[in-house]
Amino acid sequence: MKVRFSERALAYLRSEQTYLGRFDRRAARATAQQIRKAAQLISDYPQAGQAIAMAPGVRRYVSAPYHIDYIERDGTIIVIAIRHGRQSPRGVSESDDQSFED
């Protein structure tokens, strides 16, 4: 199955590679290779990612430390978002966390 990346996902990849490249070019290249391998796996096995309950039709594949969100549409996998596992999902801030202290 063919894999396409949304503009949002591509923007994240460019940003991540620029950031990593400032410190270690090999790490930047390794990250790009890791995402390409994950995309190939998703292409071969579209059900590899876990369905996201709060987002019908969206699946998440984790290639640590990256979370890759994607949908399948008309025989094509579309990667809609990529984020580092330590980053909050878009639209969620730390202030949204509930404090359970008395």
Protein backbone atom coordinates (compact mmCIF):
# COMPACT_ATOMS: atom_id res chain seq x y z
CA MET A 1 0.00 0.00 0.00
CA LYS A 2 1.25 3.49 -0.80
CA VAL A 3 2.16 5.84 2.09
CA ARG A 4 1.73 9.62 2.00
CA PHE A 5 2.65 12.14 4.69
CA SER A 6 0.41 15.09 5.53
CA GLU A 7 1.90 18.58 5.53
CA ARG A 8 1.67 18.54 9.32
CA ALA A 9 3.64 15.28 9.56
CA LEU A 10 6.24 16.52 7.07
CA ALA A 11 6.61 19.80 8.98
CA TYR A 12 7.25 17.85 12.18
CA LEU A 13 9.86 15.67 10.47
CA ARG A 14 11.67 18.70 9.05
CA SER A 15 11.62 20.41 12.43
CA GLU A 16 12.85 17.30 14.25
CA GLN A 17 15.66 16.73 11.75
CA THR A 18 16.74 20.37 11.97
CA TYR A 19 16.76 20.21 15.75
CA LEU A 20 18.66 16.92 15.92
CA GLY A 21 21.04 17.99 13.17
CA ARG A 22 22.27 20.87 15.31
CA PHE A 23 23.68 18.39 17.79
CA ASP A 24 24.28 15.16 15.88
CA ARG A 25 23.80 14.71 12.14
CA ARG A 26 23.89 10.93 12.50
CA ALA A 27 20.98 11.08 14.92
CA ALA A 28 19.03 13.19 12.43
CA ARG A 29 19.69 10.66 9.65
CA ALA A 30 18.86 7.74 11.96
CA THR A 31 15.54 9.36 12.85
CA ALA A 32 14.62 9.80 9.19
CA GLN A 33 15.56 6.17 8.51
CA GLN A 34 13.52 5.00 11.50
CA ILE A 35 10.42 6.85 10.28
CA ARG A 36 10.90 5.45 6.74
CA LYS A 37 11.14 1.90 8.12
CA ALA A 38 8.03 2.44 10.23
CA ALA A 39 6.16 3.78 7.18
CA GLN A 40 7.19 0.69 5.20
CA LEU A 41 5.96 -1.59 7.97
CA ILE A 42 2.64 0.27 8.13
CA SER A 43 2.42 0.00 4.34
CA ASP A 44 2.91 -3.76 4.52
CA TYR A 45 0.71 -4.23 7.62
CA PRO A 46 -1.88 -1.43 7.82
CA GLN A 47 -3.41 -2.92 10.97
CA ALA A 48 -0.06 -2.79 12.82
CA GLY A 49 -1.02 0.37 14.67
CA GLN A 50 -3.42 0.42 17.58
CA ALA A 51 -6.84 1.97 16.97
CA ILE A 52 -7.29 5.24 18.85
CA ALA A 53 -10.60 5.18 20.72
CA MET A 54 -11.00 8.96 20.80
CA ALA A 55 -10.34 9.32 17.07
CA PRO A 56 -12.36 6.86 14.96
CA GLY A 57 -10.47 5.64 11.91
CA VAL A 58 -7.08 6.73 13.24
CA ARG A 59 -4.42 4.22 14.18
CA ARG A 60 -1.18 4.82 16.10
CA TYR A 61 2.03 2.94 15.46
CA VAL A 62 4.77 3.42 18.03
CA SER A 63 8.34 3.28 16.79
CA ALA A 64 9.93 4.36 20.04
CA PRO A 65 10.25 7.12 20.85
CA TYR A 66 7.98 8.33 18.01
CA HIS A 67 4.20 7.99 17.76
CA ILE A 68 2.94 7.84 14.19
CA ASP A 69 -0.78 8.47 13.67
CA TYR A 70 -2.29 7.43 10.36
CA ILE A 71 -5.47 6.69 8.48
CA GLU A 72 -6.23 4.47 5.52
CA ARG A 73 -8.11 6.12 2.70
CA ASP A 74 -8.77 4.79 -0.79
CA GLY A 75 -6.00 2.21 -0.57
CA THR A 76 -3.44 4.72 0.69
CA ILE A 77 -1.95 5.12 4.16
CA ILE A 78 -1.86 8.79 5.15
CA VAL A 79 0.43 9.66 8.04
CA ILE A 80 -1.44 12.53 9.66
CA ALA A 81 0.83 13.24 12.64
CA ILE A 82 4.16 12.29 14.15
CA ARG A 83 5.33 13.24 17.61
CA HIS A 84 7.97 12.29 20.12
CA GLY A 85 6.50 10.13 22.87
CA ARG A 86 7.48 12.69 25.51
CA GLN A 87 5.46 15.42 23.82
CA SER A 88 1.84 16.03 24.75
CA PRO A 89 -0.67 15.32 22.01
CA ARG A 90 -1.64 18.43 20.07
CA GLY A 91 -4.31 20.41 21.88
CA VAL A 92 -3.47 19.02 25.32
CA SER A 93 -1.54 21.18 27.75
CA GLU A 94 -0.07 20.46 31.15
CA SER A 95 -2.78 22.65 32.68
CA ASP A 96 -5.33 20.10 31.43
CA ASP A 97 -3.93 17.55 33.88
CA GLN A 98 -6.07 16.97 36.93
CA SER A 99 -4.51 17.20 40.36
CA PHE A 100 -5.62 14.43 42.69
CA GLU A 101 -3.90 15.82 45.76
CA ASP A 102 -6.03 16.79 48.75
